[in-house]
């Protein structure tokens, strides 16, 4: 069977005015049997539609904060880090085209936040300021080591895949889901109650996690299972 082509949303460096990519995203897809392709950063409707037709699935990567205007907030308190609206716009277009075609989509870190915002949810703009906790959500290297535990909700697709009620995950983020979109279902929670994994029940396979399997797949069986399930669904 041919390897499914997986479109990977590029990271953007505003200082160097350049696209770039962390190798873990690509390697996680490759080891799971997919063929990763870094996508162009475009807002062209026809190009986005062509990309959506070409790929079997999409990986929404980490990166800058999402412009708070997308969830009807402001940043007058300077709680957000850098945001880059052209990427927000491209991802929203790609997400909607993916939904129209029932494509498999996996969101990681920023990806879970983007899915929630695109579906009408909101975000904590800065956890240390707006929702302080003793749980470590912004760990220091090495990033493949676990930072905290997450509880996996019984009866969810993630529970069925992993067969566990609790796993240890790495964590590197300062924003998180605040109000969960009614179109999404929570599959896991952190020790301090943040939503750590979601799915979209109305779709064939739309999942997102707040942690970083692209860093941990080499040492974490759970991360490898998530990549493998993603690629299995990219095959149609």
C-alpha atoms as a PDB file:
ATOM      1  CA  UNK A   1       0.000   0.000   0.000  1.00  0.00           C
ATOM      2  CA  UNK A   2       1.274   3.477  -0.836  1.00  0.00           C
ATOM      3  CA  UNK A   3       2.268   5.717   2.036  1.00  0.00           C
ATOM      4  CA  UNK A   4      -0.305   8.427   2.742  1.00  0.00           C
ATOM      5  CA  UNK A   5       0.886  11.968   2.118  1.00  0.00           C
ATOM      6  CA  UNK A   6       0.616  14.036   5.298  1.00  0.00           C
ATOM      7  CA  UNK A   7       0.645  17.812   5.010  1.00  0.00           C
ATOM      8  CA  UNK A   8       2.582  19.425   7.872  1.00  0.00           C
ATOM      9  CA  UNK A   9       1.839  23.067   8.671  1.00  0.00           C
ATOM     10  CA  UNK A  10       5.124  25.014   8.594  1.00  0.00           C
ATOM     11  CA  UNK A  11       6.607  26.970  11.457  1.00  0.00           C
ATOM     12  CA  UNK A  12       7.465  30.602  10.703  1.00  0.00           C
ATOM     13  CA  UNK A  13      10.411  32.620  12.011  1.00  0.00           C
ATOM     14  CA  UNK A  14       9.497  36.313  11.838  1.00  0.00           C
ATOM     15  CA  UNK A  15      13.040  37.448  12.674  1.00  0.00           C
ATOM     16  CA  UNK A  16      14.607  35.494   9.804  1.00  0.00           C
ATOM     17  CA  UNK A  17      11.500  35.764   7.593  1.00  0.00           C
ATOM     18  CA  UNK A  18      11.696  32.033   6.946  1.00  0.00           C
ATOM     19  CA  UNK A  19       9.764  28.788   7.135  1.00  0.00           C
ATOM     20  CA  UNK A  20      11.261  26.027   9.257  1.00  0.00           C
ATOM     21  CA  UNK A  21      10.418  22.651  10.789  1.00  0.00           C
ATOM     22  CA  UNK A  22      11.273  20.557  13.851  1.00  0.00           C
ATOM     23  CA  UNK A  23      12.452  17.119  12.706  1.00  0.00           C
ATOM     24  CA  UNK A  24      10.334  15.265  15.275  1.00  0.00           C
ATOM     25  CA  UNK A  25       7.106  16.057  13.433  1.00  0.00           C
ATOM     26  CA  UNK A  26       8.511  14.587  10.241  1.00  0.00           C
ATOM     27  CA  UNK A  27      10.177  11.595  11.904  1.00  0.00           C
ATOM     28  CA  UNK A  28       7.079  10.711  13.922  1.00  0.00           C
ATOM     29  CA  UNK A  29       5.014  10.589  10.735  1.00  0.00           C
ATOM     30  CA  UNK A  30       7.694   8.700   8.806  1.00  0.00           C
ATOM     31  CA  UNK A  31       8.190   6.034  11.459  1.00  0.00           C
ATOM     32  CA  UNK A  32       4.425   5.528  11.600  1.00  0.00           C
ATOM     33  CA  UNK A  33       4.320   4.842   7.850  1.00  0.00           C
ATOM     34  CA  UNK A  34       3.388   8.206   6.395  1.00  0.00           C
ATOM     35  CA  UNK A  35       5.071  10.523   3.913  1.00  0.00           C
ATOM     36  CA  UNK A  36       5.334  14.007   5.461  1.00  0.00           C
ATOM     37  CA  UNK A  37       5.340  17.093   3.250  1.00  0.00           C
ATOM     38  CA  UNK A  38       5.929  20.604   4.605  1.00  0.00           C
ATOM     39  CA  UNK A  39       3.148  22.830   3.301  1.00  0.00           C
ATOM     40  CA  UNK A  40       3.554  26.314   1.858  1.00  0.00           C
ATOM     41  CA  UNK A  41       2.317  29.239   3.922  1.00  0.00           C
ATOM     42  CA  UNK A  42      -0.510  30.480   1.728  1.00  0.00           C
ATOM     43  CA  UNK A  43      -3.886  32.151   1.955  1.00  0.00           C
ATOM     44  CA  UNK A  44      -4.795  31.350  -1.653  1.00  0.00           C
ATOM     45  CA  UNK A  45      -8.150  29.566  -1.663  1.00  0.00           C
ATOM     46  CA  UNK A  46      -7.438  27.479  -4.755  1.00  0.00           C
ATOM     47  CA  UNK A  47      -4.059  26.400  -3.407  1.00  0.00           C
ATOM     48  CA  UNK A  48      -5.562  25.392  -0.063  1.00  0.00           C
ATOM     49  CA  UNK A  49      -8.212  23.339  -1.865  1.00  0.00           C
ATOM     50  CA  UNK A  50      -5.587  21.619  -3.993  1.00  0.00           C
ATOM     51  CA  UNK A  51      -3.545  20.828  -0.876  1.00  0.00           C
ATOM     52  CA  UNK A  52      -6.638  19.431   0.838  1.00  0.00           C
ATOM     53  CA  UNK A  53      -7.296  17.143  -2.114  1.00  0.00           C
ATOM     54  CA  UNK A  54      -3.667  16.020  -2.390  1.00  0.00           C
ATOM     55  CA  UNK A  55      -3.041  15.006   1.211  1.00  0.00           C
ATOM     56  CA  UNK A  56      -4.485  12.136   3.183  1.00  0.00           C
ATOM     57  CA  UNK A  57      -4.276  14.097   6.420  1.00  0.00           C
ATOM     58  CA  UNK A  58      -2.798  17.116   8.136  1.00  0.00           C
ATOM     59  CA  UNK A  59      -0.597  17.765  11.155  1.00  0.00           C
ATOM     60  CA  UNK A  60      -1.116  21.147  12.820  1.00  0.00           C
ATOM     61  CA  UNK A  61       2.145  21.942  14.577  1.00  0.00           C
ATOM     62  CA  UNK A  62       3.164  24.129  17.517  1.00  0.00           C
ATOM     63  CA  UNK A  63       4.403  27.677  17.199  1.00  0.00           C
ATOM     64  CA  UNK A  64       3.323  31.228  17.914  1.00  0.00           C
ATOM     65  CA  UNK A  65       0.251  32.175  19.895  1.00  0.00           C
ATOM     66  CA  UNK A  66      -3.024  32.543  18.041  1.00  0.00           C
ATOM     67  CA  UNK A  67      -4.176  36.122  17.514  1.00  0.00           C
ATOM     68  CA  UNK A  68      -6.669  36.655  20.397  1.00  0.00           C
ATOM     69  CA  UNK A  69      -8.968  38.506  17.999  1.00  0.00           C
ATOM     70  CA  UNK A  70      -9.832  35.048  16.622  1.00  0.00           C
ATOM     71  CA  UNK A  71     -11.593  34.249  19.923  1.00  0.00           C
ATOM     72  CA  UNK A  72     -12.931  37.767  20.604  1.00  0.00           C
ATOM     73  CA  UNK A  73     -10.225  38.755  23.081  1.00  0.00           C
ATOM     74  CA  UNK A  74      -7.673  41.543  23.161  1.00  0.00           C
ATOM     75  CA  UNK A  75      -4.085  41.560  24.359  1.00  0.00           C
ATOM     76  CA  UNK A  76      -4.103  44.900  26.091  1.00  0.00           C
ATOM     77  CA  UNK A  77      -2.409  43.291  29.096  1.00  0.00           C
ATOM     78  CA  UNK A  78       0.352  41.856  26.868  1.00  0.00           C
ATOM     79  CA  UNK A  79      -0.374  38.317  28.042  1.00  0.00           C
ATOM     80  CA  UNK A  80       0.235  36.747  24.646  1.00  0.00           C
ATOM     81  CA  UNK A  81       3.556  36.071  23.067  1.00  0.00           C
ATOM     82  CA  UNK A  82       4.209  36.728  19.396  1.00  0.00           C
ATOM     83  CA  UNK A  83       1.324  35.949  17.065  1.00  0.00           C
ATOM     84  CA  UNK A  84       1.366  35.709  13.286  1.00  0.00           C
ATOM     85  CA  UNK A  85      -2.099  36.200  11.712  1.00  0.00           C
ATOM     86  CA  UNK A  86      -1.158  34.895   8.224  1.00  0.00           C
ATOM     87  CA  UNK A  87      -0.591  31.460   9.737  1.00  0.00           C
ATOM     88  CA  UNK A  88      -3.844  31.672  11.702  1.00  0.00           C
ATOM     89  CA  UNK A  89      -5.729  32.450   8.493  1.00  0.00           C
ATOM     90  CA  UNK A  90      -4.070  29.640   6.534  1.00  0.00           C
ATOM     91  CA  UNK A  91      -4.737  27.106   9.282  1.00  0.00           C
ATOM     92  CA  UNK A  92      -8.386  28.116   9.572  1.00  0.00           C
ATOM     93  CA  UNK A  93      -8.823  27.704   5.812  1.00  0.00           C
ATOM     94  CA  UNK A  94      -7.005  24.357   5.817  1.00  0.00           C
ATOM     95  CA  UNK A  95      -8.956  23.103   8.830  1.00  0.00           C
ATOM     96  CA  UNK A  96     -12.281  23.920   7.173  1.00  0.00           C
ATOM     97  CA  UNK A  97     -11.253  22.325   3.869  1.00  0.00           C
ATOM     98  CA  UNK A  98     -10.096  19.256   5.792  1.00  0.00           C
ATOM     99  CA  UNK A  99     -13.461  19.013   7.524  1.00  0.00           C
ATOM    100  CA  UNK A 100     -15.302  19.283   4.207  1.00  0.00           C
ATOM    101  CA  UNK A 101     -13.329  16.290   2.920  1.00  0.00           C
ATOM    102  CA  UNK A 102     -13.407  14.328   6.191  1.00  0.00           C
ATOM    103  CA  UNK A 103      -9.602  14.244   6.306  1.00  0.00           C
ATOM    104  CA  UNK A 104      -7.662  12.943   9.299  1.00  0.00           C
ATOM    105  CA  UNK A 105      -6.197  15.848  11.284  1.00  0.00           C
ATOM    106  CA  UNK A 106      -3.890  15.851  14.285  1.00  0.00           C
ATOM    107  CA  UNK A 107      -3.169  18.983  16.314  1.00  0.00           C
ATOM    108  CA  UNK A 108      -0.179  19.267  18.636  1.00  0.00           C
ATOM    109  CA  UNK A 109       0.226  21.995  21.303  1.00  0.00           C
ATOM    110  CA  UNK A 110      -0.800  25.118  19.371  1.00  0.00           C
ATOM    111  CA  UNK A 111      -2.792  22.660  17.256  1.00  0.00           C
ATOM    112  CA  UNK A 112      -5.225  21.779  20.048  1.00  0.00           C
ATOM    113  CA  UNK A 113      -5.654  25.471  20.786  1.00  0.00           C
ATOM    114  CA  UNK A 114      -6.247  26.242  17.105  1.00  0.00           C
ATOM    115  CA  UNK A 115      -8.867  23.492  16.738  1.00  0.00           C
ATOM    116  CA  UNK A 116     -10.714  24.839  19.763  1.00  0.00           C
ATOM    117  CA  UNK A 117     -10.610  28.443  18.533  1.00  0.00           C
ATOM    118  CA  UNK A 118     -11.652  27.478  14.999  1.00  0.00           C
ATOM    119  CA  UNK A 119     -14.655  25.660  16.492  1.00  0.00           C
ATOM    120  CA  UNK A 120     -15.710  28.625  18.627  1.00  0.00           C
ATOM    121  CA  UNK A 121     -13.858  27.972  21.893  1.00  0.00           C
ATOM    122  CA  UNK A 122     -11.564  30.288  23.837  1.00  0.00           C
ATOM    123  CA  UNK A 123      -8.074  30.197  25.361  1.00  0.00           C
ATOM    124  CA  UNK A 124      -6.269  31.159  28.513  1.00  0.00           C
ATOM    125  CA  UNK A 125      -3.899  33.752  27.076  1.00  0.00           C
ATOM    126  CA  UNK A 126      -1.226  33.122  29.726  1.00  0.00           C
ATOM    127  CA  UNK A 127      -1.543  30.343  32.279  1.00  0.00           C
ATOM    128  CA  UNK A 128       0.898  31.731  34.890  1.00  0.00           C
ATOM    129  CA  UNK A 129      -1.073  34.998  34.946  1.00  0.00           C
ATOM    130  CA  UNK A 130      -4.663  33.887  34.399  1.00  0.00           C
ATOM    131  CA  UNK A 131      -4.666  30.354  35.857  1.00  0.00           C
ATOM    132  CA  UNK A 132      -1.590  29.794  38.046  1.00  0.00           C
ATOM    133  CA  UNK A 133      -0.837  26.225  39.112  1.00  0.00           C
ATOM    134  CA  UNK A 134       1.897  24.098  40.641  1.00  0.00           C
ATOM    135  CA  UNK A 135       1.680  21.754  37.638  1.00  0.00           C
ATOM    136  CA  UNK A 136       4.646  22.245  35.311  1.00  0.00           C
ATOM    137  CA  UNK A 137       3.301  23.216  31.897  1.00  0.00           C
ATOM    138  CA  UNK A 138       6.465  24.893  30.585  1.00  0.00           C
ATOM    139  CA  UNK A 139       9.288  22.468  31.251  1.00  0.00           C
ATOM    140  CA  UNK A 140      13.000  22.854  30.635  1.00  0.00           C
ATOM    141  CA  UNK A 141      14.981  20.522  28.325  1.00  0.00           C
ATOM    142  CA  UNK A 142      15.204  17.632  27.697  1.00  0.00           C
ATOM    143  CA  UNK A 143      11.760  17.811  26.163  1.00  0.00           C
ATOM    144  CA  UNK A 144      11.288  14.061  25.753  1.00  0.00           C
ATOM    145  CA  UNK A 145      11.022  13.595  29.523  1.00  0.00           C
ATOM    146  CA  UNK A 146       7.585  13.696  31.199  1.00  0.00           C
ATOM    147  CA  UNK A 147       6.562  16.813  33.080  1.00  0.00           C
ATOM    148  CA  UNK A 148       3.192  15.897  34.595  1.00  0.00           C
ATOM    149  CA  UNK A 149       0.402  13.323  34.494  1.00  0.00           C
ATOM    150  CA  UNK A 150      -2.817  13.414  32.489  1.00  0.00           C
ATOM    151  CA  UNK A 151      -5.992  11.488  33.269  1.00  0.00           C
ATOM    152  CA  UNK A 152      -7.626   9.881  30.242  1.00  0.00           C
ATOM    153  CA  UNK A 153     -11.405   9.861  30.242  1.00  0.00           C
ATOM    154  CA  UNK A 154     -12.974   6.417  30.151  1.00  0.00           C
ATOM    155  CA  UNK A 155     -14.937   5.637  26.998  1.00  0.00           C
ATOM    156  CA  UNK A 156     -13.012   8.078  24.813  1.00  0.00           C
ATOM    157  CA  UNK A 157     -11.175   7.073  21.627  1.00  0.00           C
ATOM    158  CA  UNK A 158      -7.863   7.921  23.320  1.00  0.00           C
ATOM    159  CA  UNK A 159      -8.658   5.536  26.178  1.00  0.00           C
ATOM    160  CA  UNK A 160      -9.555   2.825  23.677  1.00  0.00           C
ATOM    161  CA  UNK A 161      -6.267   3.340  21.843  1.00  0.00           C
ATOM    162  CA  UNK A 162      -3.926   3.487  24.839  1.00  0.00           C
ATOM    163  CA  UNK A 163      -5.804   1.240  27.241  1.00  0.00           C
ATOM    164  CA  UNK A 164      -4.716   3.414  30.172  1.00  0.00           C
ATOM    165  CA  UNK A 165      -6.422   5.763  32.595  1.00  0.00           C
ATOM    166  CA  UNK A 166      -3.330   7.879  33.260  1.00  0.00           C
ATOM    167  CA  UNK A 167      -0.100   8.625  31.411  1.00  0.00           C
ATOM    168  CA  UNK A 168       2.904  10.884  31.950  1.00  0.00           C
ATOM    169  CA  UNK A 169       3.454  13.545  29.283  1.00  0.00           C
ATOM    170  CA  UNK A 170       5.912  16.277  28.437  1.00  0.00           C
ATOM    171  CA  UNK A 171       4.659  19.864  28.436  1.00  0.00           C
ATOM    172  CA  UNK A 172       5.786  23.137  26.871  1.00  0.00           C
ATOM    173  CA  UNK A 173       3.068  25.773  26.548  1.00  0.00           C
ATOM    174  CA  UNK A 174       1.794  28.917  28.233  1.00  0.00           C
ATOM    175  CA  UNK A 175      -1.676  28.988  26.655  1.00  0.00           C
ATOM    176  CA  UNK A 176      -4.429  26.373  26.884  1.00  0.00           C
ATOM    177  CA  UNK A 177      -8.104  25.718  26.289  1.00  0.00           C
ATOM    178  CA  UNK A 178     -10.339  27.891  28.481  1.00  0.00           C
ATOM    179  CA  UNK A 179     -13.883  27.318  27.190  1.00  0.00           C
ATOM    180  CA  UNK A 180     -14.082  24.078  25.235  1.00  0.00           C
ATOM    181  CA  UNK A 181     -15.990  24.251  21.960  1.00  0.00           C
ATOM    182  CA  UNK A 182     -19.226  22.202  22.021  1.00  0.00           C
ATOM    183  CA  UNK A 183     -18.040  20.616  18.759  1.00  0.00           C
ATOM    184  CA  UNK A 184     -15.103  19.027  20.587  1.00  0.00           C
ATOM    185  CA  UNK A 185     -15.014  16.352  23.298  1.00  0.00           C
ATOM    186  CA  UNK A 186     -12.318  16.277  25.957  1.00  0.00           C
ATOM    187  CA  UNK A 187     -10.363  13.013  26.089  1.00  0.00           C
ATOM    188  CA  UNK A 188      -7.792  13.852  28.787  1.00  0.00           C
ATOM    189  CA  UNK A 189      -7.142  16.362  31.571  1.00  0.00           C
ATOM    190  CA  UNK A 190      -4.024  17.541  33.368  1.00  0.00           C
ATOM    191  CA  UNK A 191      -3.651  17.265  37.133  1.00  0.00           C
ATOM    192  CA  UNK A 192      -4.842  20.862  37.501  1.00  0.00           C
ATOM    193  CA  UNK A 193      -7.871  20.392  35.263  1.00  0.00           C
ATOM    194  CA  UNK A 194      -6.751  21.705  31.874  1.00  0.00           C
ATOM    195  CA  UNK A 195      -8.051  19.956  28.774  1.00  0.00           C
ATOM    196  CA  UNK A 196      -5.077  18.006  27.384  1.00  0.00           C
ATOM    197  CA  UNK A 197      -6.625  16.036  24.511  1.00  0.00           C
ATOM    198  CA  UNK A 198      -9.733  16.416  22.354  1.00  0.00           C
ATOM    199  CA  UNK A 199     -11.527  14.783  19.463  1.00  0.00           C
ATOM    200  CA  UNK A 200     -14.334  15.900  17.161  1.00  0.00           C
ATOM    201  CA  UNK A 201     -17.029  13.202  17.408  1.00  0.00           C
ATOM    202  CA  UNK A 202     -18.861  14.315  14.270  1.00  0.00           C
ATOM    203  CA  UNK A 203     -15.784  13.658  12.113  1.00  0.00           C
ATOM    204  CA  UNK A 204     -14.005  10.447  11.184  1.00  0.00           C
ATOM    205  CA  UNK A 205     -10.684  11.336  12.868  1.00  0.00           C
ATOM    206  CA  UNK A 206      -9.862  14.792  14.236  1.00  0.00           C
ATOM    207  CA  UNK A 207      -7.703  14.606  17.348  1.00  0.00           C
ATOM    208  CA  UNK A 208      -5.444  17.037  19.176  1.00  0.00           C
ATOM    209  CA  UNK A 209      -3.166  16.887  22.212  1.00  0.00           C
ATOM    210  CA  UNK A 210      -1.597  19.626  24.311  1.00  0.00           C
ATOM    211  CA  UNK A 211       1.620  17.695  24.928  1.00  0.00           C
ATOM    212  CA  UNK A 212       4.439  16.982  22.459  1.00  0.00           C
ATOM    213  CA  UNK A 213       4.598  13.489  20.922  1.00  0.00           C
ATOM    214  CA  UNK A 214       7.014  14.866  18.306  1.00  0.00           C
ATOM    215  CA  UNK A 215       9.600  15.116  21.096  1.00  0.00           C
ATOM    216  CA  UNK A 216       8.700  11.953  22.984  1.00  0.00           C
ATOM    217  CA  UNK A 217       7.875   9.322  20.337  1.00  0.00           C
ATOM    218  CA  UNK A 218      11.371   7.865  20.607  1.00  0.00           C
ATOM    219  CA  UNK A 219      10.867   6.967  24.271  1.00  0.00           C
ATOM    220  CA  UNK A 220       7.072   6.895  24.660  1.00  0.00           C
ATOM    221  CA  UNK A 221       4.933   4.003  23.419  1.00  0.00           C
ATOM    222  CA  UNK A 222       1.847   6.194  23.866  1.00  0.00           C
ATOM    223  CA  UNK A 223       3.253   8.844  21.518  1.00  0.00           C
ATOM    224  CA  UNK A 224       4.058   6.213  18.913  1.00  0.00           C
ATOM    225  CA  UNK A 225       0.525   4.836  19.156  1.00  0.00           C
ATOM    226  CA  UNK A 226      -0.952   8.291  18.560  1.00  0.00           C
ATOM    227  CA  UNK A 227       1.195   8.805  15.452  1.00  0.00           C
ATOM    228  CA  UNK A 228       0.333   5.294  14.227  1.00  0.00           C
ATOM    229  CA  UNK A 229      -3.419   5.842  14.686  1.00  0.00           C
ATOM    230  CA  UNK A 230      -3.163   9.169  12.877  1.00  0.00           C
ATOM    231  CA  UNK A 231      -1.391   7.624   9.888  1.00  0.00           C
ATOM    232  CA  UNK A 232      -3.806   4.670   9.813  1.00  0.00           C
ATOM    233  CA  UNK A 233      -6.650   7.132   9.408  1.00  0.00           C
ATOM    234  CA  UNK A 234      -4.754   9.161   6.803  1.00  0.00           C
ATOM    235  CA  UNK A 235      -4.947   6.054   4.624  1.00  0.00           C
ATOM    236  CA  UNK A 236      -8.716   6.418   4.438  1.00  0.00           C
END
